[in-house]
Amino acid sequence: MKTATCFLVVLSLLAVGCGNSDDGEDGGGGGGGGGGTALQCSAVGWCSNWYPPVREVASPPPLTGGTLRDGLYRMEQGSHHSQALLIQGKSILLIGRSWSNFVGTWKADGGKLTVSVTGNCDELEEKRMTTEFTYAFATQGNTVYLQDLDTEGRPVLGFHKVSSLCEENATFVCNSRICTCVTTTNKPLTGQPSCG
């Protein structure tokens, strides 16, 4: 296992802010906690040059919905980029690999997941914004599968539940000479240095 430049575990965030919303398998796209505090855009920051080596999801399940549970999910199949999700109740944080997040709320209707974005933050600024992202989705065990419906021809992505964004495994690696993975919790993304 390669050594990261900086390694901060987000277990404390998950333990405090993300209860398990195990309210039964309803199969209809429900899930998520009943309330709680909404996530802030800078709840988790991430900068990494690690990525999933597998660019395609070999056999994704039918994208017919499922139960979304609270937790931190890292993309480990479907693209050669680093992405993650943090779900807490009906709040969601879309985490980019280089200090770039979208925050908002989610709702599921059958196999369609709609994310209503209320803010964006990155290393330059934090701003309020209003837009929607729509996905076809499915859940299987600790994996959430998403396919962007806003742009035609997008691949299915597989996000696996993790305890840390900077934990290397067979499906998320660093193949660079200099490996960088930095996470922050509840710190502004503005002014963060480039990590790679």
C-alpha atoms as a PDB file:
ATOM      1  CA  MET A   1       0.000   0.000   0.000  1.00  0.00           C
ATOM      2  CA  LYS A   2       1.360   3.385  -0.957  1.00  0.00           C
ATOM      3  CA  THR A   3       1.676   6.163   1.580  1.00  0.00           C
ATOM      4  CA  ALA A   4      -0.571   9.160   1.122  1.00  0.00           C
ATOM      5  CA  THR A   5       0.735  12.679   1.558  1.00  0.00           C
ATOM      6  CA  CYS A   6      -1.915  13.317   4.169  1.00  0.00           C
ATOM      7  CA  PHE A   7      -4.432  10.890   5.596  1.00  0.00           C
ATOM      8  CA  LEU A   8      -7.402  12.010   7.659  1.00  0.00           C
ATOM      9  CA  VAL A   9     -10.114   9.524   8.461  1.00  0.00           C
ATOM     10  CA  VAL A  10     -13.652  10.801   8.251  1.00  0.00           C
ATOM     11  CA  LEU A  11     -14.973   8.286  10.746  1.00  0.00           C
ATOM     12  CA  SER A  12     -15.649  11.031  13.272  1.00  0.00           C
ATOM     13  CA  LEU A  13     -17.854  12.834  10.773  1.00  0.00           C
ATOM     14  CA  LEU A  14     -19.695   9.639   9.943  1.00  0.00           C
ATOM     15  CA  ALA A  15     -20.103   8.631  13.573  1.00  0.00           C
ATOM     16  CA  VAL A  16     -21.489  12.017  14.597  1.00  0.00           C
ATOM     17  CA  GLY A  17     -23.318  13.163  11.506  1.00  0.00           C
ATOM     18  CA  CYS A  18     -24.421  10.057   9.667  1.00  0.00           C
ATOM     19  CA  GLY A  19     -26.610   7.605  11.476  1.00  0.00           C
ATOM     20  CA  ASN A  20     -27.566   4.385   9.759  1.00  0.00           C
ATOM     21  CA  SER A  21     -31.017   4.852   8.336  1.00  0.00           C
ATOM     22  CA  ASP A  22     -31.761   1.166   8.255  1.00  0.00           C
ATOM     23  CA  ASP A  23     -35.491   1.518   8.033  1.00  0.00           C
ATOM     24  CA  GLY A  24     -36.103  -1.630   6.054  1.00  0.00           C
ATOM     25  CA  GLU A  25     -35.806  -2.522   2.392  1.00  0.00           C
ATOM     26  CA  ASP A  26     -38.644  -0.736   0.719  1.00  0.00           C
ATOM     27  CA  GLY A  27     -37.274  -1.210  -2.793  1.00  0.00           C
ATOM     28  CA  GLY A  28     -38.932   2.021  -3.847  1.00  0.00           C
ATOM     29  CA  GLY A  29     -35.957   4.307  -3.595  1.00  0.00           C
ATOM     30  CA  GLY A  30     -36.524   5.465  -0.063  1.00  0.00           C
ATOM     31  CA  GLY A  31     -33.999   5.507   2.706  1.00  0.00           C
ATOM     32  CA  GLY A  32     -32.077   8.345   4.161  1.00  0.00           C
ATOM     33  CA  GLY A  33     -32.524   9.496   7.712  1.00  0.00           C
ATOM     34  CA  GLY A  34     -35.662  11.219   8.810  1.00  0.00           C
ATOM     35  CA  GLY A  35     -34.076  14.575   9.427  1.00  0.00           C
ATOM     36  CA  GLY A  36     -30.994  15.770  11.189  1.00  0.00           C
ATOM     37  CA  THR A  37     -28.780  18.666  10.301  1.00  0.00           C
ATOM     38  CA  ALA A  38     -28.240  19.478   6.640  1.00  0.00           C
ATOM     39  CA  LEU A  39     -24.734  18.936   5.307  1.00  0.00           C
ATOM     40  CA  GLN A  40     -22.548  21.948   4.656  1.00  0.00           C
ATOM     41  CA  CYS A  41     -20.705  22.260   1.352  1.00  0.00           C
ATOM     42  CA  SER A  42     -17.343  21.913   3.105  1.00  0.00           C
ATOM     43  CA  ALA A  43     -18.331  18.984   5.354  1.00  0.00           C
ATOM     44  CA  VAL A  44     -15.748  16.892   3.495  1.00  0.00           C
ATOM     45  CA  GLY A  45     -13.026  18.172   1.192  1.00  0.00           C
ATOM     46  CA  TRP A  46     -10.926  15.902  -0.995  1.00  0.00           C
ATOM     47  CA  CYS A  47      -7.919  16.235  -3.240  1.00  0.00           C
ATOM     48  CA  SER A  48      -6.451  13.104  -4.766  1.00  0.00           C
ATOM     49  CA  ASN A  49      -4.617  11.691  -7.758  1.00  0.00           C
ATOM     50  CA  TRP A  50      -5.840   8.172  -6.962  1.00  0.00           C
ATOM     51  CA  TYR A  51      -8.470   6.574  -9.178  1.00  0.00           C
ATOM     52  CA  PRO A  52     -10.370   3.377  -9.967  1.00  0.00           C
ATOM     53  CA  PRO A  53      -8.372   1.210 -12.392  1.00  0.00           C
ATOM     54  CA  VAL A  54     -11.562  -0.389 -13.785  1.00  0.00           C
ATOM     55  CA  ARG A  55     -13.235   1.987 -16.229  1.00  0.00           C
ATOM     56  CA  GLU A  56     -16.429   0.003 -16.757  1.00  0.00           C
ATOM     57  CA  VAL A  57     -18.942  -1.587 -14.447  1.00  0.00           C
ATOM     58  CA  ALA A  58     -18.872  -5.159 -15.761  1.00  0.00           C
ATOM     59  CA  SER A  59     -22.433  -6.150 -14.930  1.00  0.00           C
ATOM     60  CA  PRO A  60     -24.425  -3.438 -13.180  1.00  0.00           C
ATOM     61  CA  PRO A  61     -27.804  -4.360 -11.744  1.00  0.00           C
ATOM     62  CA  PRO A  62     -30.928  -2.983 -13.435  1.00  0.00           C
ATOM     63  CA  LEU A  63     -31.192   0.699 -12.514  1.00  0.00           C
ATOM     64  CA  THR A  64     -34.600   0.375 -10.902  1.00  0.00           C
ATOM     65  CA  GLY A  65     -33.959   2.139  -7.587  1.00  0.00           C
ATOM     66  CA  GLY A  66     -33.353   0.861  -4.104  1.00  0.00           C
ATOM     67  CA  THR A  67     -32.775   2.159  -0.597  1.00  0.00           C
ATOM     68  CA  LEU A  68     -30.124   4.870  -0.198  1.00  0.00           C
ATOM     69  CA  ARG A  69     -28.493   4.651   3.213  1.00  0.00           C
ATOM     70  CA  ASP A  70     -26.447   7.234   5.057  1.00  0.00           C
ATOM     71  CA  GLY A  71     -22.730   6.987   4.540  1.00  0.00           C
ATOM     72  CA  LEU A  72     -19.656   7.908   2.551  1.00  0.00           C
ATOM     73  CA  TYR A  73     -19.427   6.320  -0.906  1.00  0.00           C
ATOM     74  CA  ARG A  74     -16.368   6.418  -3.176  1.00  0.00           C
ATOM     75  CA  MET A  75     -16.550   5.695  -6.897  1.00  0.00           C
ATOM     76  CA  GLU A  76     -14.597   2.504  -7.533  1.00  0.00           C
ATOM     77  CA  GLN A  77     -15.943   1.461 -10.943  1.00  0.00           C
ATOM     78  CA  GLY A  78     -16.983   3.140 -14.173  1.00  0.00           C
ATOM     79  CA  SER A  79     -14.585   6.033 -14.727  1.00  0.00           C
ATOM     80  CA  HIS A  80     -10.933   6.960 -14.472  1.00  0.00           C
ATOM     81  CA  HIS A  81     -11.678   9.906 -12.158  1.00  0.00           C
ATOM     82  CA  SER A  82     -12.109  10.304  -8.413  1.00  0.00           C
ATOM     83  CA  GLN A  83     -15.610  11.084  -7.149  1.00  0.00           C
ATOM     84  CA  ALA A  84     -17.497  10.451  -3.932  1.00  0.00           C
ATOM     85  CA  LEU A  85     -20.882  10.934  -2.278  1.00  0.00           C
ATOM     86  CA  LEU A  86     -21.797  11.663   1.315  1.00  0.00           C
ATOM     87  CA  ILE A  87     -25.424  10.964   2.194  1.00  0.00           C
ATOM     88  CA  GLN A  88     -26.884  12.149   5.480  1.00  0.00           C
ATOM     89  CA  GLY A  89     -30.640  11.953   5.755  1.00  0.00           C
ATOM     90  CA  LYS A  90     -32.007  13.792   2.738  1.00  0.00           C
ATOM     91  CA  SER A  91     -28.816  15.861   2.422  1.00  0.00           C
ATOM     92  CA  ILE A  92     -26.194  14.894  -0.131  1.00  0.00           C
ATOM     93  CA  LEU A  93     -22.674  16.086  -0.866  1.00  0.00           C
ATOM     94  CA  LEU A  94     -21.202  15.363  -4.301  1.00  0.00           C
ATOM     95  CA  ILE A  95     -17.451  15.351  -3.671  1.00  0.00           C
ATOM     96  CA  GLY A  96     -14.994  16.009  -6.483  1.00  0.00           C
ATOM     97  CA  ARG A  97     -11.367  14.916  -6.449  1.00  0.00           C
ATOM     98  CA  SER A  98      -9.842  18.388  -6.391  1.00  0.00           C
ATOM     99  CA  TRP A  99     -11.515  20.549  -3.713  1.00  0.00           C
ATOM    100  CA  SER A 100     -14.799  20.846  -5.604  1.00  0.00           C
ATOM    101  CA  ASN A 101     -18.182  19.971  -4.095  1.00  0.00           C
ATOM    102  CA  PHE A 102     -21.894  20.367  -4.743  1.00  0.00           C
ATOM    103  CA  VAL A 103     -24.312  20.231  -1.815  1.00  0.00           C
ATOM    104  CA  GLY A 104     -28.059  19.799  -1.782  1.00  0.00           C
ATOM    105  CA  THR A 105     -30.885  17.392  -1.134  1.00  0.00           C
ATOM    106  CA  TRP A 106     -31.994  14.216  -2.871  1.00  0.00           C
ATOM    107  CA  LYS A 107     -35.222  12.426  -3.624  1.00  0.00           C
ATOM    108  CA  ALA A 108     -35.867   9.118  -5.308  1.00  0.00           C
ATOM    109  CA  ASP A 109     -38.818   8.137  -7.452  1.00  0.00           C
ATOM    110  CA  GLY A 110     -38.596   4.548  -8.642  1.00  0.00           C
ATOM    111  CA  GLY A 111     -35.290   4.242 -10.455  1.00  0.00           C
ATOM    112  CA  LYS A 112     -34.743   7.997 -10.781  1.00  0.00           C
ATOM    113  CA  LEU A 113     -32.637   9.983  -8.317  1.00  0.00           C
ATOM    114  CA  THR A 114     -32.934  13.777  -8.378  1.00  0.00           C
ATOM    115  CA  VAL A 115     -30.311  15.895  -6.621  1.00  0.00           C
ATOM    116  CA  SER A 116     -31.436  19.485  -5.997  1.00  0.00           C
ATOM    117  CA  VAL A 117     -28.214  21.463  -5.647  1.00  0.00           C
ATOM    118  CA  THR A 118     -28.223  24.469  -3.313  1.00  0.00           C
ATOM    119  CA  GLY A 119     -24.517  25.312  -3.245  1.00  0.00           C
ATOM    120  CA  ASN A 120     -21.094  24.812  -4.768  1.00  0.00           C
ATOM    121  CA  CYS A 121     -17.691  25.251  -3.153  1.00  0.00           C
ATOM    122  CA  ASP A 122     -14.142  24.855  -4.361  1.00  0.00           C
ATOM    123  CA  GLU A 123     -10.668  26.244  -3.639  1.00  0.00           C
ATOM    124  CA  LEU A 124     -11.657  29.636  -5.075  1.00  0.00           C
ATOM    125  CA  GLU A 125     -15.126  30.377  -3.690  1.00  0.00           C
ATOM    126  CA  GLU A 126     -18.268  29.154  -2.008  1.00  0.00           C
ATOM    127  CA  LYS A 127     -21.573  30.153  -3.554  1.00  0.00           C
ATOM    128  CA  ARG A 128     -25.261  29.432  -3.474  1.00  0.00           C
ATOM    129  CA  MET A 129     -26.699  28.020  -6.646  1.00  0.00           C
ATOM    130  CA  THR A 130     -29.835  26.280  -7.842  1.00  0.00           C
ATOM    131  CA  THR A 131     -29.714  23.406 -10.305  1.00  0.00           C
ATOM    132  CA  GLU A 132     -30.724  19.766 -10.537  1.00  0.00           C
ATOM    133  CA  PHE A 133     -28.847  16.618 -11.473  1.00  0.00           C
ATOM    134  CA  THR A 134     -30.799  13.506 -12.407  1.00  0.00           C
ATOM    135  CA  TYR A 135     -29.573   9.926 -12.348  1.00  0.00           C
ATOM    136  CA  ALA A 136     -30.864   6.439 -12.944  1.00  0.00           C
ATOM    137  CA  PHE A 137     -29.796   4.464  -9.880  1.00  0.00           C
ATOM    138  CA  ALA A 138     -29.762   1.154  -8.080  1.00  0.00           C
ATOM    139  CA  THR A 139     -28.410  -0.106  -4.789  1.00  0.00           C
ATOM    140  CA  GLN A 140     -26.861  -3.497  -4.155  1.00  0.00           C
ATOM    141  CA  GLY A 141     -25.332  -4.257  -0.765  1.00  0.00           C
ATOM    142  CA  ASN A 142     -22.918  -1.429   0.070  1.00  0.00           C
ATOM    143  CA  THR A 143     -22.741  -0.157  -3.513  1.00  0.00           C
ATOM    144  CA  VAL A 144     -24.762   2.595  -5.186  1.00  0.00           C
ATOM    145  CA  TYR A 145     -24.879   2.585  -8.987  1.00  0.00           C
ATOM    146  CA  LEU A 146     -25.560   5.859 -10.802  1.00  0.00           C
ATOM    147  CA  GLN A 147     -25.960   6.842 -14.438  1.00  0.00           C
ATOM    148  CA  ASP A 148     -26.187  10.514 -15.362  1.00  0.00           C
ATOM    149  CA  LEU A 149     -29.451  11.153 -17.224  1.00  0.00           C
ATOM    150  CA  ASP A 150     -28.659  14.788 -18.067  1.00  0.00           C
ATOM    151  CA  THR A 151     -26.028  13.861 -20.660  1.00  0.00           C
ATOM    152  CA  GLU A 152     -26.610  11.098 -23.196  1.00  0.00           C
ATOM    153  CA  GLY A 153     -24.271   8.140 -23.291  1.00  0.00           C
ATOM    154  CA  ARG A 154     -22.852   8.431 -19.778  1.00  0.00           C
ATOM    155  CA  PRO A 155     -21.487   5.245 -18.188  1.00  0.00           C
ATOM    156  CA  VAL A 156     -22.850   3.546 -15.088  1.00  0.00           C
ATOM    157  CA  LEU A 157     -20.681   4.398 -12.069  1.00  0.00           C
ATOM    158  CA  GLY A 158     -20.288   2.191  -9.001  1.00  0.00           C
ATOM    159  CA  PHE A 159     -19.855   3.918  -5.611  1.00  0.00           C
ATOM    160  CA  HIS A 160     -18.810   1.657  -2.734  1.00  0.00           C
ATOM    161  CA  LYS A 161     -19.378   2.546   0.927  1.00  0.00           C
ATOM    162  CA  VAL A 162     -16.065   3.324   2.660  1.00  0.00           C
ATOM    163  CA  SER A 163     -14.845   4.621   6.006  1.00  0.00           C
ATOM    164  CA  SER A 164     -12.131   6.767   4.398  1.00  0.00           C
ATOM    165  CA  LEU A 165     -11.644   8.332   0.977  1.00  0.00           C
ATOM    166  CA  CYS A 166      -7.884   7.760   1.265  1.00  0.00           C
ATOM    167  CA  GLU A 167      -7.831   4.032   1.865  1.00  0.00           C
ATOM    168  CA  GLU A 168      -6.299   2.189  -1.064  1.00  0.00           C
ATOM    169  CA  ASN A 169      -7.670  -1.159  -2.178  1.00  0.00           C
ATOM    170  CA  ALA A 170      -7.810  -3.261  -5.343  1.00  0.00           C
ATOM    171  CA  THR A 171     -10.517  -1.050  -6.858  1.00  0.00           C
ATOM    172  CA  PHE A 172      -9.056   2.338  -5.909  1.00  0.00           C
ATOM    173  CA  VAL A 173      -5.320   2.891  -6.336  1.00  0.00           C
ATOM    174  CA  CYS A 174      -2.500   5.305  -6.993  1.00  0.00           C
ATOM    175  CA  ASN A 175      -0.361   4.510 -10.002  1.00  0.00           C
ATOM    176  CA  SER A 176       1.570   7.773  -9.930  1.00  0.00           C
ATOM    177  CA  ARG A 177       5.183   8.208  -8.864  1.00  0.00           C
ATOM    178  CA  ILE A 178       3.975  10.662  -6.215  1.00  0.00           C
ATOM    179  CA  CYS A 179       0.732   9.626  -4.548  1.00  0.00           C
ATOM    180  CA  THR A 180      -1.450  12.313  -3.044  1.00  0.00           C
ATOM    181  CA  CYS A 181      -4.675  11.935  -1.114  1.00  0.00           C
ATOM    182  CA  VAL A 182      -5.825  14.650   1.293  1.00  0.00           C
ATOM    183  CA  THR A 183      -9.162  14.968   3.057  1.00  0.00           C
ATOM    184  CA  THR A 184     -10.568  17.634   5.339  1.00  0.00           C
ATOM    185  CA  THR A 185     -13.678  17.741   7.486  1.00  0.00           C
ATOM    186  CA  ASN A 186     -15.642  20.907   8.171  1.00  0.00           C
ATOM    187  CA  LYS A 187     -12.890  23.197   6.866  1.00  0.00           C
ATOM    188  CA  PRO A 188     -13.387  25.739   4.065  1.00  0.00           C
ATOM    189  CA  LEU A 189     -12.243  24.543   0.657  1.00  0.00           C
ATOM    190  CA  THR A 190     -11.278  28.078  -0.315  1.00  0.00           C
ATOM    191  CA  GLY A 191      -7.544  28.612  -0.219  1.00  0.00           C
ATOM    192  CA  GLN A 192      -6.677  24.925  -0.135  1.00  0.00           C
ATOM    193  CA  PRO A 193      -3.407  24.182  -1.961  1.00  0.00           C
ATOM    194  CA  SER A 194      -3.282  22.026  -5.060  1.00  0.00           C
ATOM    195  CA  CYS A 195      -2.512  18.435  -4.235  1.00  0.00           C
ATOM    196  CA  GLY A 196      -1.093  17.207  -7.404  1.00  0.00           C
END
